[in-house]
Amino acid sequence: MDCRQRIIEEAAVMFRTYGIRAVTMDMLAARLGISKRTIYEVFSDKEELLNGVLKWMAIKQNEVMSKILSETENVIEAIFKMLDFMSDHFQKMSPAFQMDMKKFHHDIFKNLGEQKDNPYYKNNSEMLLRGIKEGVFRADTDIEITNKCMLEVAKLANDKDVFPPDNFMNKDVIRNFYVNYLRGISTPKGLDLISFYENLLDRGSNITGKDI
């Protein structure tokens, strides 16, 4: 692993754990066992480092989602696996990280949500097309409009300001928002599959028995 990648991966862990403002270049250098000067030879400032971290996180998320899509028997199974992944992903982010992103790095946070940079957008399109082909989503579903709606539903469900974790379980929020939205575009076959996987979750069963 080269120096740039080491810095990015360690910064990602520290930002998500402590928040962006709380992590200094001195702290990062000490954790990596390198000089602060070495970091500045790779990244001109903390803003550039944060951009690198967010792009790397998006790539890793896309890899996981592509793996899920390739290993699941049907698109509904894939969606439930992705919902688990998304829930776990946001659950591990400290509130400080999300607050710092919104308050002090608004432009970066906004750009990350753009379609071209968002791994969820591409994978949503693939899921919708696959679902129509498998007969679980209605053939008259507008891919572009539905994709945007699904993305906004997922973002809202994970907004800690709207649903404070002390009062709302993240998985319950996602399930009520996202899964119920999917019901609206599902065929009878799709509705049966949604009920099947929801029943598995209610019984505490693993959906596929495979690790992500």
C-alpha atoms as a PDB file:
ATOM      1  CA  MET A   1       0.000   0.000   0.000  1.00  0.00           C
ATOM      2  CA  ASP A   2       1.450   3.365  -1.008  1.00  0.00           C
ATOM      3  CA  CYS A   3       1.748   6.351   1.332  1.00  0.00           C
ATOM      4  CA  ARG A   4      -1.225   8.209  -0.122  1.00  0.00           C
ATOM      5  CA  GLN A   5      -3.538   5.238   0.363  1.00  0.00           C
ATOM      6  CA  ARG A   6      -2.318   4.667   3.941  1.00  0.00           C
ATOM      7  CA  ILE A   7      -3.055   8.296   4.794  1.00  0.00           C
ATOM      8  CA  ILE A   8      -6.516   8.175   3.216  1.00  0.00           C
ATOM      9  CA  GLU A   9      -7.562   4.959   4.947  1.00  0.00           C
ATOM     10  CA  GLU A  10      -6.363   6.033   8.390  1.00  0.00           C
ATOM     11  CA  ALA A  11      -7.922   9.486   7.974  1.00  0.00           C
ATOM     12  CA  ALA A  12     -11.212   7.821   7.014  1.00  0.00           C
ATOM     13  CA  VAL A  13     -11.236   5.825  10.251  1.00  0.00           C
ATOM     14  CA  MET A  14     -10.358   8.855  12.377  1.00  0.00           C
ATOM     15  CA  PHE A  15     -12.823  11.232  10.687  1.00  0.00           C
ATOM     16  CA  ARG A  16     -15.681   8.757  11.046  1.00  0.00           C
ATOM     17  CA  THR A  17     -14.786   8.040  14.680  1.00  0.00           C
ATOM     18  CA  TYR A  18     -14.006  11.493  16.049  1.00  0.00           C
ATOM     19  CA  GLY A  19     -15.368  13.940  13.502  1.00  0.00           C
ATOM     20  CA  ILE A  20     -13.473  16.056  10.988  1.00  0.00           C
ATOM     21  CA  ARG A  21     -12.696  19.102  13.127  1.00  0.00           C
ATOM     22  CA  ALA A  22     -11.435  16.995  16.036  1.00  0.00           C
ATOM     23  CA  VAL A  23      -8.792  15.272  13.912  1.00  0.00           C
ATOM     24  CA  THR A  24      -5.601  17.278  13.358  1.00  0.00           C
ATOM     25  CA  MET A  25      -2.773  16.552  10.961  1.00  0.00           C
ATOM     26  CA  ASP A  26      -0.532  16.036  14.003  1.00  0.00           C
ATOM     27  CA  MET A  27      -2.896  13.348  15.325  1.00  0.00           C
ATOM     28  CA  LEU A  28      -3.029  11.654  11.941  1.00  0.00           C
ATOM     29  CA  ALA A  29       0.754  11.720  11.566  1.00  0.00           C
ATOM     30  CA  ALA A  30       1.230  10.244  15.046  1.00  0.00           C
ATOM     31  CA  ARG A  31      -1.255   7.458  14.309  1.00  0.00           C
ATOM     32  CA  LEU A  32       0.539   6.614  11.062  1.00  0.00           C
ATOM     33  CA  GLY A  33       4.016   6.941  12.553  1.00  0.00           C
ATOM     34  CA  ILE A  34       5.098   9.486   9.951  1.00  0.00           C
ATOM     35  CA  SER A  35       5.885  13.204   9.989  1.00  0.00           C
ATOM     36  CA  LYS A  36       3.243  15.853   9.378  1.00  0.00           C
ATOM     37  CA  ARG A  37       5.444  17.136   6.567  1.00  0.00           C
ATOM     38  CA  THR A  38       5.021  13.807   4.768  1.00  0.00           C
ATOM     39  CA  ILE A  39       1.256  14.253   4.820  1.00  0.00           C
ATOM     40  CA  TYR A  40       1.516  17.776   3.416  1.00  0.00           C
ATOM     41  CA  GLU A  41       3.744  16.480   0.607  1.00  0.00           C
ATOM     42  CA  VAL A  42       0.775  14.352  -0.509  1.00  0.00           C
ATOM     43  CA  PHE A  43      -2.170  16.606   0.428  1.00  0.00           C
ATOM     44  CA  SER A  44      -1.918  20.392   0.346  1.00  0.00           C
ATOM     45  CA  ASP A  45      -4.451  20.806   3.170  1.00  0.00           C
ATOM     46  CA  LYS A  46      -7.144  19.062   5.186  1.00  0.00           C
ATOM     47  CA  GLU A  47      -9.816  19.917   2.612  1.00  0.00           C
ATOM     48  CA  GLU A  48      -7.948  18.041  -0.112  1.00  0.00           C
ATOM     49  CA  LEU A  49      -7.461  15.115   2.259  1.00  0.00           C
ATOM     50  CA  LEU A  50     -11.180  15.041   3.057  1.00  0.00           C
ATOM     51  CA  ASN A  51     -12.018  14.995  -0.664  1.00  0.00           C
ATOM     52  CA  GLY A  52      -9.674  12.046  -1.085  1.00  0.00           C
ATOM     53  CA  VAL A  53     -11.288  10.217   1.832  1.00  0.00           C
ATOM     54  CA  LEU A  54     -14.831  10.741   0.521  1.00  0.00           C
ATOM     55  CA  LYS A  55     -13.950   9.587  -2.993  1.00  0.00           C
ATOM     56  CA  TRP A  56     -12.289   6.467  -1.578  1.00  0.00           C
ATOM     57  CA  MET A  57     -15.316   5.742   0.615  1.00  0.00           C
ATOM     58  CA  ALA A  58     -17.602   6.057  -2.424  1.00  0.00           C
ATOM     59  CA  ILE A  59     -15.438   3.595  -4.381  1.00  0.00           C
ATOM     60  CA  LYS A  60     -15.512   1.063  -1.514  1.00  0.00           C
ATOM     61  CA  GLN A  61     -19.286   1.401  -1.176  1.00  0.00           C
ATOM     62  CA  ASN A  62     -19.715   0.832  -4.905  1.00  0.00           C
ATOM     63  CA  GLU A  63     -17.560  -2.317  -4.735  1.00  0.00           C
ATOM     64  CA  VAL A  64     -19.690  -3.729  -1.915  1.00  0.00           C
ATOM     65  CA  MET A  65     -22.938  -2.950  -3.705  1.00  0.00           C
ATOM     66  CA  SER A  66     -21.725  -4.461  -6.980  1.00  0.00           C
ATOM     67  CA  LYS A  67     -20.771  -7.604  -5.066  1.00  0.00           C
ATOM     68  CA  ILE A  68     -24.232  -7.802  -3.522  1.00  0.00           C
ATOM     69  CA  LEU A  69     -25.921  -7.405  -6.905  1.00  0.00           C
ATOM     70  CA  SER A  70     -23.809 -10.180  -8.425  1.00  0.00           C
ATOM     71  CA  GLU A  71     -24.372 -12.662  -5.579  1.00  0.00           C
ATOM     72  CA  THR A  72     -28.115 -12.383  -4.918  1.00  0.00           C
ATOM     73  CA  GLU A  73     -30.868 -14.523  -6.427  1.00  0.00           C
ATOM     74  CA  ASN A  74     -33.293 -11.665  -7.054  1.00  0.00           C
ATOM     75  CA  VAL A  75     -33.363  -7.902  -6.825  1.00  0.00           C
ATOM     76  CA  ILE A  76     -35.485  -7.793  -3.656  1.00  0.00           C
ATOM     77  CA  GLU A  77     -32.901  -9.910  -1.840  1.00  0.00           C
ATOM     78  CA  ALA A  78     -30.217  -7.529  -3.116  1.00  0.00           C
ATOM     79  CA  ILE A  79     -32.135  -4.510  -1.836  1.00  0.00           C
ATOM     80  CA  PHE A  80     -32.537  -5.959   1.653  1.00  0.00           C
ATOM     81  CA  LYS A  81     -28.816  -6.748   1.768  1.00  0.00           C
ATOM     82  CA  MET A  82     -28.027  -3.201   0.643  1.00  0.00           C
ATOM     83  CA  LEU A  83     -30.340  -1.731   3.260  1.00  0.00           C
ATOM     84  CA  ASP A  84     -28.454  -3.669   5.930  1.00  0.00           C
ATOM     85  CA  PHE A  85     -25.174  -2.374   4.536  1.00  0.00           C
ATOM     86  CA  MET A  86     -26.393   1.227   4.398  1.00  0.00           C
ATOM     87  CA  SER A  87     -27.781   1.047   7.918  1.00  0.00           C
ATOM     88  CA  ASP A  88     -24.521  -0.351   9.266  1.00  0.00           C
ATOM     89  CA  HIS A  89     -22.494   2.199   7.281  1.00  0.00           C
ATOM     90  CA  PHE A  90     -24.352   5.199   8.699  1.00  0.00           C
ATOM     91  CA  GLN A  91     -24.598   3.675  12.175  1.00  0.00           C
ATOM     92  CA  LYS A  92     -20.800   3.530  12.417  1.00  0.00           C
ATOM     93  CA  MET A  93     -20.423   7.195  11.501  1.00  0.00           C
ATOM     94  CA  SER A  94     -20.113   9.412  14.540  1.00  0.00           C
ATOM     95  CA  PRO A  95     -22.696  12.204  14.822  1.00  0.00           C
ATOM     96  CA  ALA A  96     -19.732  14.615  14.906  1.00  0.00           C
ATOM     97  CA  PHE A  97     -18.621  13.498  11.431  1.00  0.00           C
ATOM     98  CA  GLN A  98     -22.043  14.034   9.914  1.00  0.00           C
ATOM     99  CA  MET A  99     -22.489  17.370  11.678  1.00  0.00           C
ATOM    100  CA  ASP A 100     -19.062  18.606  10.514  1.00  0.00           C
ATOM    101  CA  MET A 101     -19.849  17.591   6.945  1.00  0.00           C
ATOM    102  CA  LYS A 102     -23.110  19.515   6.925  1.00  0.00           C
ATOM    103  CA  LYS A 103     -21.965  22.573   8.838  1.00  0.00           C
ATOM    104  CA  PHE A 104     -18.386  23.202   7.772  1.00  0.00           C
ATOM    105  CA  HIS A 105     -18.047  21.356   4.490  1.00  0.00           C
ATOM    106  CA  HIS A 106     -21.419  22.041   2.895  1.00  0.00           C
ATOM    107  CA  ASP A 107     -20.113  22.267  -0.682  1.00  0.00           C
ATOM    108  CA  ILE A 108     -18.327  18.918  -0.430  1.00  0.00           C
ATOM    109  CA  PHE A 109     -21.377  17.329   1.198  1.00  0.00           C
ATOM    110  CA  LYS A 110     -23.607  18.718  -1.554  1.00  0.00           C
ATOM    111  CA  ASN A 111     -21.296  17.568  -4.339  1.00  0.00           C
ATOM    112  CA  LEU A 112     -21.102  14.085  -2.824  1.00  0.00           C
ATOM    113  CA  GLY A 113     -24.849  13.825  -3.254  1.00  0.00           C
ATOM    114  CA  GLU A 114     -24.700  14.579  -6.961  1.00  0.00           C
ATOM    115  CA  GLN A 115     -25.683  11.705  -9.221  1.00  0.00           C
ATOM    116  CA  LYS A 116     -22.294  11.304 -10.891  1.00  0.00           C
ATOM    117  CA  ASP A 117     -20.494  10.946  -7.553  1.00  0.00           C
ATOM    118  CA  ASN A 118     -23.027   8.875  -5.697  1.00  0.00           C
ATOM    119  CA  PRO A 119     -22.589   5.068  -5.813  1.00  0.00           C
ATOM    120  CA  TYR A 120     -26.197   4.561  -4.726  1.00  0.00           C
ATOM    121  CA  TYR A 121     -27.532   6.319  -7.828  1.00  0.00           C
ATOM    122  CA  LYS A 122     -25.873   3.974 -10.337  1.00  0.00           C
ATOM    123  CA  ASN A 123     -26.769   0.863  -8.362  1.00  0.00           C
ATOM    124  CA  ASN A 124     -30.361   2.012  -7.911  1.00  0.00           C
ATOM    125  CA  SER A 125     -30.698   2.248 -11.689  1.00  0.00           C
ATOM    126  CA  GLU A 126     -29.330  -1.269 -12.074  1.00  0.00           C
ATOM    127  CA  MET A 127     -31.699  -2.579  -9.411  1.00  0.00           C
ATOM    128  CA  LEU A 128     -34.739  -0.949 -10.984  1.00  0.00           C
ATOM    129  CA  LEU A 129     -33.925  -2.289 -14.457  1.00  0.00           C
ATOM    130  CA  ARG A 130     -33.236  -5.726 -13.016  1.00  0.00           C
ATOM    131  CA  GLY A 131     -36.464  -5.621 -11.021  1.00  0.00           C
ATOM    132  CA  ILE A 132     -38.510  -4.804 -14.126  1.00  0.00           C
ATOM    133  CA  LYS A 133     -36.787  -7.624 -16.032  1.00  0.00           C
ATOM    134  CA  GLU A 134     -37.467 -10.064 -13.181  1.00  0.00           C
ATOM    135  CA  GLY A 135     -41.110  -8.982 -13.030  1.00  0.00           C
ATOM    136  CA  VAL A 136     -40.961  -7.699  -9.462  1.00  0.00           C
ATOM    137  CA  PHE A 137     -41.280  -3.985 -10.363  1.00  0.00           C
ATOM    138  CA  ARG A 138     -43.987  -2.583 -12.630  1.00  0.00           C
ATOM    139  CA  ALA A 139     -42.988  -2.228 -16.281  1.00  0.00           C
ATOM    140  CA  ASP A 140     -44.285   1.377 -16.372  1.00  0.00           C
ATOM    141  CA  THR A 141     -41.841   2.481 -13.643  1.00  0.00           C
ATOM    142  CA  ASP A 142     -39.945   5.636 -14.652  1.00  0.00           C
ATOM    143  CA  ILE A 143     -36.321   4.765 -13.851  1.00  0.00           C
ATOM    144  CA  GLU A 144     -34.973   8.318 -13.558  1.00  0.00           C
ATOM    145  CA  ILE A 145     -37.791   9.714 -11.403  1.00  0.00           C
ATOM    146  CA  THR A 146     -37.987   6.645  -9.174  1.00  0.00           C
ATOM    147  CA  ASN A 147     -34.210   6.566  -8.752  1.00  0.00           C
ATOM    148  CA  LYS A 148     -34.143  10.169  -7.539  1.00  0.00           C
ATOM    149  CA  CYS A 149     -37.021   9.494  -5.157  1.00  0.00           C
ATOM    150  CA  MET A 150     -35.321   6.391  -3.742  1.00  0.00           C
ATOM    151  CA  LEU A 151     -32.103   8.323  -3.197  1.00  0.00           C
ATOM    152  CA  GLU A 152     -33.901  11.127  -1.360  1.00  0.00           C
ATOM    153  CA  VAL A 153     -35.832   8.612   0.757  1.00  0.00           C
ATOM    154  CA  ALA A 154     -32.565   6.909   1.754  1.00  0.00           C
ATOM    155  CA  LYS A 155     -30.918  10.260   2.610  1.00  0.00           C
ATOM    156  CA  LEU A 156     -33.882  11.370   4.710  1.00  0.00           C
ATOM    157  CA  ALA A 157     -34.058   8.058   6.549  1.00  0.00           C
ATOM    158  CA  ASN A 158     -30.400   8.451   7.559  1.00  0.00           C
ATOM    159  CA  ASP A 159     -30.662  12.121   8.585  1.00  0.00           C
ATOM    160  CA  LYS A 160     -29.834  12.168  12.294  1.00  0.00           C
ATOM    161  CA  ASP A 161     -31.354  15.662  12.650  1.00  0.00           C
ATOM    162  CA  VAL A 162     -34.719  14.382  11.462  1.00  0.00           C
ATOM    163  CA  PHE A 163     -34.531  10.998  13.209  1.00  0.00           C
ATOM    164  CA  PRO A 164     -32.295  11.284  16.321  1.00  0.00           C
ATOM    165  CA  PRO A 165     -30.738   7.859  17.095  1.00  0.00           C
ATOM    166  CA  ASP A 166     -31.834   8.142  20.746  1.00  0.00           C
ATOM    167  CA  ASN A 167     -35.464   8.077  19.646  1.00  0.00           C
ATOM    168  CA  PHE A 168     -35.424   6.089  16.410  1.00  0.00           C
ATOM    169  CA  MET A 169     -33.739   2.831  15.426  1.00  0.00           C
ATOM    170  CA  ASN A 170     -31.985   3.366  12.105  1.00  0.00           C
ATOM    171  CA  LYS A 171     -33.154   0.052  10.639  1.00  0.00           C
ATOM    172  CA  ASP A 172     -36.766   0.779  11.595  1.00  0.00           C
ATOM    173  CA  VAL A 173     -36.665   4.165   9.883  1.00  0.00           C
ATOM    174  CA  ILE A 174     -35.134   2.774   6.678  1.00  0.00           C
ATOM    175  CA  ARG A 175     -37.567  -0.105   6.653  1.00  0.00           C
ATOM    176  CA  ASN A 176     -40.626   2.111   7.063  1.00  0.00           C
ATOM    177  CA  PHE A 177     -39.481   4.660   4.506  1.00  0.00           C
ATOM    178  CA  TYR A 178     -37.609   2.691   1.879  1.00  0.00           C
ATOM    179  CA  VAL A 179     -39.372  -0.675   1.921  1.00  0.00           C
ATOM    180  CA  ASN A 180     -42.823   0.880   1.936  1.00  0.00           C
ATOM    181  CA  TYR A 181     -41.788   3.047  -1.014  1.00  0.00           C
ATOM    182  CA  LEU A 182     -40.727  -0.097  -2.888  1.00  0.00           C
ATOM    183  CA  ARG A 183     -44.153  -1.617  -2.318  1.00  0.00           C
ATOM    184  CA  GLY A 184     -45.640   1.179  -4.417  1.00  0.00           C
ATOM    185  CA  ILE A 185     -43.674   0.171  -7.534  1.00  0.00           C
ATOM    186  CA  SER A 186     -43.886  -3.603  -6.981  1.00  0.00           C
ATOM    187  CA  THR A 187     -45.915  -6.199  -8.830  1.00  0.00           C
ATOM    188  CA  PRO A 188     -47.721  -8.969  -6.889  1.00  0.00           C
ATOM    189  CA  LYS A 189     -44.569 -11.080  -7.330  1.00  0.00           C
ATOM    190  CA  GLY A 190     -42.475  -8.273  -5.876  1.00  0.00           C
ATOM    191  CA  LEU A 191     -44.832  -7.803  -2.928  1.00  0.00           C
ATOM    192  CA  ASP A 192     -44.605 -11.508  -2.132  1.00  0.00           C
ATOM    193  CA  LEU A 193     -40.794 -11.336  -2.139  1.00  0.00           C
ATOM    194  CA  ILE A 194     -40.776  -8.237   0.091  1.00  0.00           C
ATOM    195  CA  SER A 195     -43.036 -10.006   2.592  1.00  0.00           C
ATOM    196  CA  PHE A 196     -40.817 -13.100   2.461  1.00  0.00           C
ATOM    197  CA  TYR A 197     -37.614 -11.210   3.292  1.00  0.00           C
ATOM    198  CA  GLU A 198     -39.318  -9.068   5.908  1.00  0.00           C
ATOM    199  CA  ASN A 199     -40.519 -12.231   7.633  1.00  0.00           C
ATOM    200  CA  LEU A 200     -36.967 -13.562   7.621  1.00  0.00           C
ATOM    201  CA  LEU A 201     -35.769 -10.383   9.315  1.00  0.00           C
ATOM    202  CA  ASP A 202     -38.601 -10.513  11.848  1.00  0.00           C
ATOM    203  CA  ARG A 203     -37.471 -14.010  12.813  1.00  0.00           C
ATOM    204  CA  GLY A 204     -33.894 -12.796  13.126  1.00  0.00           C
ATOM    205  CA  SER A 205     -32.734 -14.935  10.216  1.00  0.00           C
ATOM    206  CA  ASN A 206     -29.876 -14.080   7.879  1.00  0.00           C
ATOM    207  CA  ILE A 207     -31.203 -13.224   4.418  1.00  0.00           C
ATOM    208  CA  THR A 208     -28.621 -15.165   2.399  1.00  0.00           C
ATOM    209  CA  GLY A 209     -26.186 -16.696   4.836  1.00  0.00           C
ATOM    210  CA  LYS A 210     -23.368 -14.872   3.027  1.00  0.00           C
ATOM    211  CA  ASP A 211     -21.155 -12.140   4.407  1.00  0.00           C
ATOM    212  CA  ILE A 212     -20.949  -8.906   2.484  1.00  0.00           C
END
